[in-house]
Structure formats: structure tokens, C-alpha cells
Amino acid sequence: MAAQKRVVVIGSGVGGLATAALLAKDGLQVTVVEKNAGPGGRASLLEKDGFRFDMGPSWYLMPDVFDRFFHAMGTSADEQLKLTHLTPHYRIFDGEGRTLDITGDMETDKALFEQIEPGSAAALDRYLAEAKIKYDLSIGSILYRNLDSPLDFISKDLRDKGRQLHVFESMEHYVGRFFKTETMRQIILYTMVFLGGIPRNTPAIYSLMSHIDFNLGVWYPTGGIYAVIEALVRLGKQYGVEYVYDATVTQIETHDNRATTVHTAAASYPADYVVSNADYKHTESLLDKPRARQYTERYWKRRTWAPSAFILYLGVKGTIPEFRHHTLLFSADWTKHFRDMADHPAWPRDPSLYICNPSKSDAHVAPADHENLFVLVPVAAGLSETDDSRHAYADYILSQIEQTTHTKLTDRLVVKEIFSVSDFASRYNSPQGTSLGLAHTLRQSVTFRPPNHSRRVPNLFFVGANTNPGIGVPMCLISAQLVQQRVCAALELSSRY
């Protein structure tokens, strides 16, 4: 029965590629349709003059989630990827002019924290113990389940330990109970930016990110995150997935409340099931009948979008000893940057930012005697920009990096590419040019995120960051497995009639 069913997957981001591979392994006939020239979505690859840039995600976290996905595909992360545990995990230039290496060795790191804030080593032990409880409970009882209503949260684990999730407390308040200095709070809270939130409106359950950081470690797959994309495509092809690129979807045709055909400018693809990894709002706009859409424009206008990003892809001649594989630059006024993203959207003038220097770990991503840099500045979604303003801001950010790290870059650049708000909007159909999608606020988490199945079109499913469980490469792998559960349940139901 499954072999006779056709699935069309719209979009080849992590979630779309993972779903395609899983369903093809289940015996379905799967076609992936992608608007861009190659796979990856936000995890695409930019190659120029011998440099290989990951265009988006650059952190390999939650290795247990990758292991679980690859095991579901009949393989393992070790078979598909060459992983290196990064030491140090990352370097920090803090707002007080200090250079701090977070090594991944707990005793070394706690000794460092004691120098920053006396008593913080013991506080970190308590904080991480609670973070581990949140992580284990989330993995065991929440993330891998299709939760359709608050009633689905009723389980023994959640009844016994639910209060320890601190879902009604903000990260800002929660972390403030453990750490008092600005630098310690920044070290603990920096991951909120990668979740698309700000500390004051992100639920404290996301303190589990510190367990991921300090206890599970920071890893790097040779070839970058795009090596994960290559593995997903390789596995999909092994099970017969067809990939069609440069194929922008123009319409999802429906009959009798079911999606029947996915249309592009060049071809049409009949479907028994449709899975969209494209932006959720954009996907619903493709439905041929307004009544097939779950959400109105008013609904989307009331959502809280995650920040966008101003990204520089830089090829630098010579070496940069001041940077590590991952480097974080914290501004002196941490809160002002968040205000520039949330309260009074503006291009931040003293931003905290992130630099990835993968050539520190991988000689294949840059020519000999050159360094590969990915610079990311979180900025508000929806900011306007021009070509001139983009280049001016790039020059400003480069000057900030040079001043903060005492590193000369500008006169050594051989590649300089910019990717920003308008690019996220045009390349990924991203509302307001958000780089991540819906933020992880309390009202946009778990059952409050848009569901991964359409309530109007029963054979239409959604995968990726805008649905459950949310933002990040590991979450998109889990999202794919949740959609696999939905499609398999639908197949089982249809086989009864």
C-alpha cells in the first residue's frame, strides 16, 4: 500500500530532507521540490574562490538527536559524518575587555567562572542539575510526541516533575536567581539568540540549552553543517527520493479538502500526501482555495517573529590566532542590543555578535594560508536596507570586530559576501525577513505553535522550525520524525477503508 502512495515534499531544508528520507525508507514514492538551485534551505552552502561557507547553522549540538535520527534510517552518525569534539567549545570577548575560553572541561570552566563571579561554580552545578532534568524530561516526554492539546501533557513524568520545567518564568528572571554579574548571565543566556528569542520573553524551560552546551558538548562535522545536508540527500537517494531544484511552487491544488497536486512553473506533481518545509505562512498562501487555509493574515500579524540576521561570509588571507572555531563578542550594553531587536527595531550600533572560524578545525573549507569566517549579527526582522546601507553596516561591523579583538581583517579580505534581512525574505519566503521563523515565546511553544498537520486539508503536513518542536537543526530532525508518525498513521487509517 505504501509503495503506491506519492508524497511531494516542498522545500529541501533539514526538515524536508529528513522527512523525505524517512518516508522513502517506509516505502513511499517521494519527490522533493526546491525553489533554489540546491538543497539545504537555511543550511545551504556558498562556495567562492576556494572557500566553502555554511550559509546558516554552524553549531552541531544535541548529538543524541542526530544519533536517534540516523538510527531510524538504519545507520549512525559515526557512519555518515566525521565528528570532532571542539576544545575549547568557544571563546568569548566580554564587554569588560576580557578574553574567556569555555573549554568543555567542567573543572576548568568552573575555576574560570569563580574568577568572574565568586560563588558561580556552585551556582553552575545547581543550574546544570536543573537544566539536565528539563532536557531529560523534554526528550522523554515532550519533543518526540505529537502533542495536539494541553491534555496531551498528562503523563506521569510531567505530573511528577512538571513544576521543575519553570515554563511560566522567563529566562531573564530564572538565570538572575543563579548569577549576578553581567558576564555570567551573558555566558548562560547567549543561546537564546539562536532560539530566536530574547531572555525576558523566553520560558525558563529553555535553560536546558545549558545542559546541551556544557554537558553534551560542542561538535563539528568535517565539511561543516552542509555535511549533514549531504548525508540526508545521500540517504534519500539510497531509498529512491527524487530531487527537483530550481522549481518554485506556484500552487497547491485541492479537491474535496485534500491536496492533490503541487504545481510549479515547469511541471505538476500529483500527490497523495504533501509535506511542506517551506515557510508556514507562505505554504498556506499557495493553497488554491482560501477556505483551505487555517490562519488569517491577522493571525500572522500578531505572531512574534524571531530576529533576522546580518551575515558576512569572509575569506581572509593569513591566519587569525585571536579567534577559535566559535567566537562570541559581547557588547558592553547587552540589554540595548535586545531593545534594538524587540522594542525599538533599529540596526544595532554596539551589537553582540558571533564569529564562526571553521578553518580552525577543517582545512577543506578555505585555501591554504587563508581563513574562513562567518560573522552573524542578530538584528530585528523587518528592517529596511539598501545596497549602500548593507555595505556601510558591513564596514561598521568589521571595524567593531577589529577594535574589540585587536585583529586586522579589512586589508586582508579576498572574499566578502553579505546576506541580510531582504535576502531571507526573497530566498526563503521568510515573513519580515526573519532568519529563524516564529520565536519561542510561551504563547508560541509546543501546542501553541502552528500544528504539523493541517486541520483543513488532512493530507497536508508541515515540517521545520515554524511547527513543533521548533528552531534548530536537531529540532528539525525531530520534526521530521513527528511528521513521519502522522503520515504513517494516515496510511494505516486509509488502508482500513
Protein backbone atom coordinates (compact mmCIF):
# COMPACT_ATOMS: atom_id res chain seq x y z
CA MET A 1 0.00 0.00 0.00
CA ALA A 2 2.75 2.45 0.99
CA ALA A 3 4.65 1.82 -2.25
CA GLN A 4 1.65 3.06 -4.21
CA LYS A 5 1.42 6.36 -2.34
CA ARG A 6 3.10 9.51 -3.64
CA VAL A 7 4.50 12.18 -1.33
CA VAL A 8 5.59 15.61 -2.52
CA VAL A 9 7.88 17.47 -0.13
CA ILE A 10 8.05 21.23 -0.70
CA GLY A 11 11.43 22.61 0.33
CA SER A 12 14.75 20.92 0.97
CA GLY A 13 15.77 22.31 4.33
CA VAL A 14 16.81 19.94 7.10
CA GLY A 15 13.21 19.08 7.96
CA GLY A 16 12.16 18.44 4.36
CA LEU A 17 15.20 16.31 3.52
CA ALA A 18 14.87 14.28 6.73
CA THR A 19 11.15 13.69 6.18
CA ALA A 20 11.74 12.64 2.58
CA ALA A 21 14.39 10.11 3.62
CA LEU A 22 12.25 8.66 6.42
CA LEU A 23 9.13 8.27 4.25
CA ALA A 24 11.09 6.82 1.35
CA LYS A 25 12.57 4.25 3.72
CA ASP A 26 8.97 3.43 4.71
CA GLY A 27 8.29 2.59 1.07
CA LEU A 28 6.55 5.71 -0.20
CA GLN A 29 7.35 7.34 -3.54
CA VAL A 30 8.84 10.71 -2.58
CA THR A 31 9.68 13.79 -4.65
CA VAL A 32 11.35 16.85 -3.14
CA VAL A 33 10.63 20.14 -4.94
CA GLU A 34 13.00 23.03 -4.14
CA LYS A 35 12.86 26.65 -5.38
CA ASN A 36 16.61 27.22 -5.07
CA ALA A 37 19.47 25.72 -7.05
CA GLY A 38 20.44 23.12 -4.44
CA PRO A 39 19.42 21.52 -1.17
CA GLY A 40 19.80 22.82 2.36
CA GLY A 41 17.36 25.68 2.86
CA ARG A 42 18.81 27.90 5.56
CA ALA A 43 21.61 25.33 5.85
CA SER A 44 22.72 25.86 2.25
CA LEU A 45 26.30 26.13 1.02
CA LEU A 46 28.11 29.08 -0.53
CA GLU A 47 31.27 28.25 -2.46
CA LYS A 48 33.51 31.01 -3.79
CA ASP A 49 37.20 31.23 -4.73
CA GLY A 50 38.08 28.03 -2.88
CA PHE A 51 36.08 28.91 0.26
CA ARG A 52 33.20 26.76 1.49
CA PHE A 53 30.76 28.70 3.70
CA ASP A 54 27.87 27.25 5.69
CA MET A 55 25.21 29.87 4.94
CA GLY A 56 23.25 29.39 8.16
CA PRO A 57 23.55 26.93 11.05
CA SER A 58 27.10 26.32 12.22
CA TRP A 59 26.73 24.64 15.64
CA TYR A 60 26.44 20.84 15.90
CA LEU A 61 24.64 20.37 19.22
CA MET A 62 22.47 17.62 20.74
CA PRO A 63 24.45 14.71 19.25
CA ASP A 64 21.96 12.28 20.80
CA VAL A 65 19.23 13.67 18.50
CA PHE A 66 21.39 13.16 15.41
CA ASP A 67 22.18 9.61 16.59
CA ARG A 68 18.49 8.85 17.06
CA PHE A 69 17.60 10.13 13.59
CA PHE A 70 20.37 8.22 11.81
CA HIS A 71 19.45 5.08 13.77
CA ALA A 72 15.88 5.46 12.45
CA MET A 73 17.43 5.48 8.97
CA GLY A 74 19.28 2.23 9.67
CA THR A 75 22.68 3.85 10.07
CA SER A 76 24.55 6.04 12.56
CA ALA A 77 26.07 9.48 12.87
CA ASP A 78 29.52 7.86 13.01
CA GLU A 79 28.87 6.15 9.66
CA GLN A 80 27.52 9.28 7.99
CA LEU A 81 29.70 12.05 9.47
CA LYS A 82 33.23 12.60 10.69
CA LEU A 83 32.72 14.35 14.02
CA THR A 84 35.24 16.27 16.10
CA HIS A 85 34.64 17.38 19.67
CA LEU A 86 35.67 21.04 19.84
CA THR A 87 38.09 22.16 22.53
CA PRO A 88 37.58 24.87 23.53
CA HIS A 89 33.87 24.91 22.90
CA TYR A 90 34.09 28.63 22.17
CA ARG A 91 35.93 31.84 23.01
CA ILE A 92 34.28 34.94 24.45
CA PHE A 93 35.35 38.56 24.24
CA ASP A 94 33.24 40.03 27.03
CA GLY A 95 32.03 43.59 27.46
CA GLU A 96 34.77 44.30 30.01
CA GLY A 97 37.65 43.59 27.66
CA ARG A 98 38.41 40.06 28.89
CA THR A 99 39.09 37.03 26.69
CA LEU A 100 37.48 33.88 28.09
CA ASP A 101 37.75 30.32 26.75
CA ILE A 102 34.90 27.93 27.62
CA THR A 103 36.81 24.67 27.35
CA GLY A 104 34.19 21.99 27.90
CA ASP A 105 36.18 20.69 30.87
CA MET A 106 33.87 21.36 33.80
CA GLU A 107 36.51 21.90 36.47
CA THR A 108 38.50 24.28 34.28
CA ASP A 109 35.39 26.23 33.36
CA LYS A 110 34.16 26.47 36.93
CA ALA A 111 37.54 27.81 38.02
CA LEU A 112 37.20 30.49 35.34
CA PHE A 113 33.67 31.35 36.46
CA GLU A 114 34.84 31.75 40.05
CA GLN A 115 37.24 34.43 38.87
CA ILE A 116 34.39 36.24 37.12
CA GLU A 117 31.87 35.85 39.95
CA PRO A 118 32.75 34.25 43.30
CA GLY A 119 30.26 31.51 44.12
CA SER A 120 29.30 30.93 40.48
CA ALA A 121 30.87 27.46 40.34
CA ALA A 122 28.43 26.11 42.92
CA ALA A 123 25.62 28.06 41.25
CA LEU A 124 26.52 26.47 37.91
CA ASP A 125 26.29 22.98 39.45
CA ARG A 126 22.79 23.73 40.70
CA TYR A 127 21.78 25.37 37.43
CA LEU A 128 23.04 22.48 35.28
CA ALA A 129 21.36 19.90 37.52
CA GLU A 130 18.03 21.60 36.86
CA ALA A 131 18.87 22.00 33.15
CA LYS A 132 19.50 18.26 32.88
CA ILE A 133 16.12 17.50 34.43
CA LYS A 134 14.47 19.79 31.87
CA TYR A 135 16.39 18.22 29.00
CA ASP A 136 15.70 14.62 30.01
CA LEU A 137 12.03 15.36 30.59
CA SER A 138 11.74 17.19 27.27
CA ILE A 139 13.41 14.39 25.32
CA GLY A 140 11.50 11.66 27.13
CA SER A 141 8.02 13.14 27.37
CA ILE A 142 7.62 16.16 25.07
CA LEU A 143 9.81 16.58 21.99
CA TYR A 144 9.22 13.22 20.31
CA ARG A 145 5.45 13.26 20.80
CA ASN A 146 2.76 14.81 18.64
CA LEU A 147 1.02 16.95 21.25
CA ASP A 148 -2.27 18.32 19.95
CA SER A 149 -3.73 19.84 23.11
CA PRO A 150 -2.73 20.64 26.69
CA LEU A 151 -4.40 17.38 27.73
CA ASP A 152 -1.66 15.50 25.88
CA PHE A 153 0.77 16.72 28.54
CA ILE A 154 -0.83 14.45 31.10
CA SER A 155 1.79 11.82 31.81
CA LYS A 156 3.37 10.50 34.99
CA ASP A 157 6.72 12.18 34.32
CA LEU A 158 5.12 15.54 33.60
CA ARG A 159 2.82 15.27 36.62
CA ASP A 160 5.73 14.43 38.91
CA LYS A 161 8.30 16.88 37.53
CA GLY A 162 6.31 19.47 35.61
CA ARG A 163 6.99 22.24 38.11
CA GLN A 164 10.72 21.83 37.51
CA LEU A 165 10.26 22.98 33.90
CA HIS A 166 9.63 26.59 35.02
CA VAL A 167 7.55 27.27 31.93
CA PHE A 168 5.90 30.36 33.43
CA GLU A 169 9.17 32.03 34.43
CA SER A 170 11.31 33.98 31.97
CA MET A 171 14.90 33.03 31.27
CA GLU A 172 15.99 36.50 32.36
CA HIS A 173 14.40 36.12 35.80
CA TYR A 174 15.37 32.47 36.20
CA VAL A 175 19.06 32.96 35.35
CA GLY A 176 19.15 36.02 37.60
CA ARG A 177 18.40 33.75 40.56
CA PHE A 178 21.71 31.94 39.98
CA PHE A 179 24.12 34.54 38.56
CA LYS A 180 24.52 38.23 39.32
CA THR A 181 27.26 39.58 37.06
CA GLU A 182 26.54 40.67 33.50
CA THR A 183 29.24 38.42 32.04
CA MET A 184 27.97 35.26 33.75
CA ARG A 185 24.41 35.97 32.64
CA GLN A 186 25.65 36.53 29.10
CA ILE A 187 27.53 33.22 29.07
CA ILE A 188 24.41 31.39 30.19
CA LEU A 189 21.93 33.29 28.03
CA TYR A 190 23.71 33.70 24.69
CA THR A 191 21.94 30.62 23.26
CA MET A 192 18.59 32.44 23.47
CA VAL A 193 19.53 34.35 20.32
CA PHE A 194 19.88 31.05 18.44
CA LEU A 195 16.41 30.06 19.65
CA GLY A 196 15.03 33.25 18.16
CA GLY A 197 14.08 34.74 21.49
CA ILE A 198 15.15 37.33 23.99
CA PRO A 199 15.70 36.46 27.68
CA ARG A 200 12.76 38.40 29.05
CA ASN A 201 10.11 36.58 26.97
CA THR A 202 11.65 33.12 26.55
CA PRO A 203 10.31 30.49 29.02
CA ALA A 204 12.86 29.17 31.51
CA ILE A 205 12.38 25.62 30.26
CA TYR A 206 14.96 26.62 27.64
CA SER A 207 17.63 26.63 30.31
CA LEU A 208 18.02 23.06 29.05
CA MET A 209 20.27 24.65 26.41
CA SER A 210 22.99 24.94 29.05
CA HIS A 211 22.90 21.17 29.59
CA ILE A 212 23.38 20.80 25.84
CA ASP A 213 26.27 23.26 25.88
CA PHE A 214 28.20 22.21 28.99
CA ASN A 215 27.30 18.53 29.37
CA LEU A 216 26.67 17.18 25.85
CA GLY A 217 29.43 19.22 24.24
CA VAL A 218 30.01 21.16 21.04
CA TRP A 219 30.93 19.16 17.95
CA TYR A 220 31.91 19.78 14.36
CA PRO A 221 31.24 17.58 11.32
CA THR A 222 34.06 17.74 8.77
CA GLY A 223 32.72 19.72 5.82
CA GLY A 224 30.55 21.84 8.10
CA ILE A 225 26.83 21.58 8.74
CA TYR A 226 26.39 21.14 4.99
CA ALA A 227 27.89 17.67 5.52
CA VAL A 228 24.63 16.88 7.34
CA ILE A 229 22.68 18.07 4.30
CA GLU A 230 24.82 15.87 2.05
CA ALA A 231 24.18 12.90 4.33
CA LEU A 232 20.41 13.46 4.25
CA VAL A 233 20.40 13.66 0.44
CA ARG A 234 22.65 10.60 0.21
CA LEU A 235 20.26 8.58 2.40
CA GLY A 236 17.25 9.84 0.48
CA LYS A 237 18.75 8.75 -2.82
CA GLN A 238 19.52 5.36 -1.33
CA TYR A 239 15.77 4.88 -0.87
CA GLY A 240 14.71 6.40 -4.19
CA VAL A 241 13.88 10.03 -3.36
CA GLU A 242 13.72 12.27 -6.43
CA TYR A 243 15.08 15.81 -6.01
CA VAL A 244 13.94 18.65 -8.29
CA TYR A 245 15.74 22.01 -7.96
CA ASP A 246 15.05 25.45 -9.44
CA ALA A 247 11.38 24.58 -9.14
CA THR A 248 9.34 27.28 -7.40
CA VAL A 249 5.95 26.01 -6.23
CA THR A 250 3.16 28.19 -7.60
CA GLN A 251 0.09 26.41 -6.21
CA ILE A 252 -1.12 23.52 -4.07
CA GLU A 253 -4.26 22.27 -5.78
CA THR A 254 -7.01 20.79 -3.62
CA HIS A 255 -10.15 18.75 -4.31
CA ASP A 256 -12.67 17.67 -1.69
CA ASN A 257 -10.48 19.17 1.04
CA ARG A 258 -7.44 17.15 0.04
CA ALA A 259 -4.20 18.29 -1.58
CA THR A 260 -3.97 16.55 -4.94
CA THR A 261 -1.28 18.29 -6.98
CA VAL A 262 1.73 20.50 -6.37
CA HIS A 263 2.27 22.88 -9.30
CA THR A 264 5.50 24.59 -10.36
CA ALA A 265 6.06 26.80 -13.39
CA ALA A 266 7.56 23.86 -15.29
CA ALA A 267 5.71 20.77 -14.04
CA SER A 268 2.92 19.39 -11.87
CA TYR A 269 3.34 16.66 -9.25
CA PRO A 270 0.34 14.53 -8.25
CA ALA A 271 0.37 13.73 -4.55
CA ASP A 272 -1.42 11.53 -2.04
CA TYR A 273 0.35 13.45 0.72
CA VAL A 274 2.06 16.84 0.74
CA VAL A 275 4.69 17.81 3.30
CA SER A 276 5.81 21.43 3.33
CA ASN A 277 9.19 22.50 4.67
CA ALA A 278 8.61 25.95 3.18
CA ASP A 279 7.63 28.82 5.44
CA TYR A 280 4.26 28.01 7.06
CA LYS A 281 2.56 31.29 6.16
CA HIS A 282 3.84 31.09 2.59
CA THR A 283 2.68 27.48 2.26
CA GLU A 284 -0.88 28.37 3.21
CA SER A 285 -0.84 31.22 0.67
CA LEU A 286 -0.14 28.60 -2.03
CA LEU A 287 -3.39 26.73 -1.35
CA ASP A 288 -5.79 27.30 -4.23
CA LYS A 289 -8.85 27.89 -2.04
CA PRO A 290 -8.90 30.44 0.79
CA ARG A 291 -11.12 28.15 2.88
CA ALA A 292 -8.31 25.56 2.88
CA ARG A 293 -6.12 27.94 4.90
CA GLN A 294 -6.09 27.62 8.68
CA TYR A 295 -4.83 31.09 9.51
CA THR A 296 -5.76 34.62 8.52
CA GLU A 297 -3.42 37.49 7.79
CA ARG A 298 -4.47 38.93 11.16
CA TYR A 299 -3.19 35.80 12.91
CA TRP A 300 0.24 36.13 11.32
CA LYS A 301 0.47 39.85 12.08
CA ARG A 302 0.01 39.05 15.75
CA ARG A 303 2.83 36.50 15.87
CA THR A 304 6.21 37.25 17.45
CA TRP A 305 8.89 36.64 14.85
CA ALA A 306 12.41 35.64 15.77
CA PRO A 307 15.16 38.11 14.86
CA SER A 308 16.74 38.28 11.46
CA ALA A 309 20.49 38.28 10.94
CA PHE A 310 23.14 40.35 9.22
CA ILE A 311 25.71 37.83 7.96
CA LEU A 312 29.14 38.29 6.45
CA TYR A 313 30.93 35.48 4.62
CA LEU A 314 34.60 36.46 4.68
CA GLY A 315 37.67 34.91 3.10
CA VAL A 316 40.78 36.20 4.88
CA LYS A 317 44.40 35.87 3.78
CA GLY A 318 46.70 34.57 6.52
CA THR A 319 45.83 33.16 9.94
CA ILE A 320 43.80 34.68 12.79
CA PRO A 321 45.19 33.43 16.12
CA GLU A 322 42.77 35.62 18.10
CA PHE A 323 39.72 33.53 17.07
CA ARG A 324 38.61 30.00 17.91
CA HIS A 325 36.26 27.81 15.88
CA HIS A 326 33.36 29.56 17.67
CA THR A 327 33.87 33.08 19.00
CA LEU A 328 31.34 35.32 20.75
CA LEU A 329 31.70 39.09 21.13
CA PHE A 330 29.53 40.52 23.90
CA SER A 331 28.73 44.21 23.87
CA ALA A 332 29.13 46.32 26.98
CA ASP A 333 25.37 47.03 27.00
CA TRP A 334 23.76 43.64 26.41
CA THR A 335 20.20 44.86 27.00
CA LYS A 336 20.40 47.68 24.45
CA HIS A 337 21.00 45.14 21.67
CA PHE A 338 17.87 43.25 22.71
CA ARG A 339 15.91 46.52 22.76
CA ASP A 340 17.14 47.18 19.20
CA MET A 341 15.71 43.80 18.20
CA ALA A 342 12.40 43.87 20.07
CA ASP A 343 11.29 47.23 21.44
CA HIS A 344 12.56 49.85 19.00
CA PRO A 345 13.79 47.95 15.93
CA ALA A 346 16.97 49.51 14.59
CA TRP A 347 20.33 48.48 13.24
CA PRO A 348 22.34 47.90 16.45
CA ARG A 349 25.33 50.20 16.90
CA ASP A 350 27.03 48.24 19.70
CA PRO A 351 25.91 44.70 18.99
CA SER A 352 26.86 41.38 20.45
CA LEU A 353 27.82 39.09 17.59
CA TYR A 354 29.07 35.64 16.68
CA ILE A 355 32.01 34.56 14.53
CA CYS A 356 32.50 31.05 13.17
CA ASN A 357 36.02 30.20 12.00
CA PRO A 358 35.67 26.60 10.75
CA SER A 359 39.08 26.60 9.07
CA LYS A 360 40.44 26.26 12.62
CA SER A 361 39.14 22.69 12.52
CA ASP A 362 38.81 21.87 8.83
CA ALA A 363 41.41 22.54 6.15
CA HIS A 364 38.87 21.84 3.39
CA VAL A 365 36.79 25.00 3.91
CA ALA A 366 39.47 27.52 2.85
CA PRO A 367 42.51 27.63 0.57
CA ALA A 368 45.94 27.12 2.15
CA ASP A 369 47.12 30.06 4.27
CA HIS A 370 43.59 31.52 4.41
CA GLU A 371 40.82 31.59 6.99
CA ASN A 372 37.07 31.16 6.54
CA LEU A 373 34.90 33.49 8.65
CA PHE A 374 31.15 33.54 9.13
CA VAL A 375 30.04 36.65 11.06
CA LEU A 376 26.47 36.88 12.36
CA VAL A 377 24.86 39.94 13.95
CA PRO A 378 21.33 39.33 15.29
CA VAL A 379 19.07 42.16 14.08
CA ALA A 380 15.36 42.86 14.14
CA ALA A 381 13.20 41.29 11.48
CA GLY A 382 11.59 43.74 9.08
CA LEU A 383 14.41 46.31 8.99
CA SER A 384 14.72 48.16 5.69
CA GLU A 385 18.02 48.16 3.85
CA THR A 386 19.63 49.27 0.60
CA ASP A 387 22.75 48.07 -1.13
CA ASP A 388 24.62 51.11 0.15
CA SER A 389 23.38 50.68 3.73
CA ARG A 390 24.33 46.98 3.73
CA HIS A 391 27.90 47.73 2.71
CA ALA A 392 28.17 50.59 5.17
CA TYR A 393 26.95 48.37 8.01
CA ALA A 394 29.36 45.61 6.96
CA ASP A 395 32.24 48.08 7.22
CA TYR A 396 30.99 49.19 10.63
CA ILE A 397 30.80 45.60 11.93
CA LEU A 398 34.28 44.84 10.64
CA SER A 399 35.64 47.90 12.44
CA GLN A 400 33.89 46.79 15.65
CA ILE A 401 35.45 43.33 15.40
CA GLU A 402 38.88 44.77 14.77
CA GLN A 403 38.65 47.14 17.73
CA THR A 404 37.27 44.51 20.13
CA THR A 405 39.64 41.68 19.22
CA HIS A 406 42.70 43.71 18.15
CA THR A 407 42.67 41.82 14.85
CA LYS A 408 43.28 43.27 11.39
CA LEU A 409 40.83 41.91 8.82
CA THR A 410 39.78 44.56 6.31
CA ASP A 411 43.05 44.82 4.41
CA ARG A 412 43.30 41.01 4.19
CA LEU A 413 39.87 40.25 2.74
CA VAL A 414 39.79 38.24 -0.50
CA VAL A 415 36.07 37.35 -0.27
CA LYS A 416 33.31 39.49 1.22
CA GLU A 417 29.67 38.48 0.76
CA ILE A 418 26.65 39.89 2.59
CA PHE A 419 23.39 38.11 3.45
CA SER A 420 20.75 40.03 5.36
CA VAL A 421 17.08 40.73 6.05
CA SER A 422 15.93 41.14 2.44
CA ASP A 423 17.80 38.01 1.40
CA PHE A 424 15.97 35.88 3.98
CA ALA A 425 12.71 37.26 2.62
CA SER A 426 13.50 36.61 -1.05
CA ARG A 427 15.41 33.33 -0.79
CA TYR A 428 13.24 31.62 1.83
CA ASN A 429 9.88 33.47 1.62
CA SER A 430 10.50 34.39 5.25
CA PRO A 431 7.98 36.84 6.80
CA GLN A 432 9.66 40.17 7.54
CA GLY A 433 12.95 38.54 6.63
CA THR A 434 13.18 36.63 9.92
CA SER A 435 16.16 34.30 9.86
CA LEU A 436 14.57 31.64 12.08
CA GLY A 437 10.78 31.86 11.99
CA LEU A 438 8.45 32.02 14.98
CA ALA A 439 10.14 32.94 18.25
CA HIS A 440 9.97 30.59 21.23
CA THR A 441 7.74 32.66 23.47
CA LEU A 442 5.38 30.94 25.91
CA ARG A 443 2.46 31.51 23.54
CA GLN A 444 4.42 30.08 20.62
CA SER A 445 5.80 26.90 22.17
CA VAL A 446 4.66 23.27 21.95
CA THR A 447 0.86 23.10 21.43
CA PHE A 448 0.74 26.87 20.84
CA ARG A 449 2.91 26.65 17.71
CA PRO A 450 1.10 26.05 14.42
CA PRO A 451 0.44 22.29 14.17
CA ASN A 452 2.39 19.98 11.88
CA HIS A 453 -0.82 18.86 10.15
CA SER A 454 -3.48 20.98 8.51
CA ARG A 455 -6.86 20.95 10.20
CA ARG A 456 -8.49 21.96 6.89
CA VAL A 457 -6.56 19.72 4.47
CA PRO A 458 -5.98 16.36 6.20
CA ASN A 459 -3.22 15.15 3.87
CA LEU A 460 -1.14 18.34 4.17
CA PHE A 461 1.66 18.33 6.74
CA PHE A 462 4.25 20.87 7.89
CA VAL A 463 7.81 20.26 8.98
CA GLY A 464 10.56 22.59 10.18
CA ALA A 465 11.18 25.47 12.55
CA ASN A 466 7.71 27.09 12.47
CA THR A 467 5.95 24.00 13.79
CA ASN A 468 6.86 21.56 16.56
CA PRO A 469 9.21 21.25 18.25
CA GLY A 470 10.79 24.44 16.89
CA ILE A 471 14.01 26.15 15.87
CA GLY A 472 17.37 24.49 15.23
CA VAL A 473 18.81 21.63 13.20
CA PRO A 474 18.17 18.98 15.91
CA MET A 475 14.59 20.22 16.33
CA CYS A 476 14.00 19.94 12.58
CA LEU A 477 15.23 16.33 12.64
CA ILE A 478 12.74 15.61 15.42
CA SER A 479 10.06 17.49 13.48
CA ALA A 480 10.64 15.13 10.56
CA GLN A 481 10.11 12.11 12.78
CA LEU A 482 6.88 13.61 14.13
CA VAL A 483 5.60 14.11 10.57
CA GLN A 484 6.62 10.54 9.76
CA GLN A 485 4.36 9.43 12.64
CA ARG A 486 1.49 11.50 11.22
CA VAL A 487 1.83 10.16 7.68
CA CYS A 488 2.18 6.56 8.85
CA ALA A 489 -0.97 6.98 10.97
CA ALA A 490 -2.80 8.39 7.94
CA LEU A 491 -1.59 5.48 5.82
CA GLU A 492 -2.80 2.99 8.39
CA LEU A 493 -6.18 4.71 8.54
CA SER A 494 -6.58 4.78 4.76
CA SER A 495 -5.69 1.10 4.49
CA ARG A 496 -8.70 0.21 6.59
CA TYR A 497 -11.15 1.52 4.00
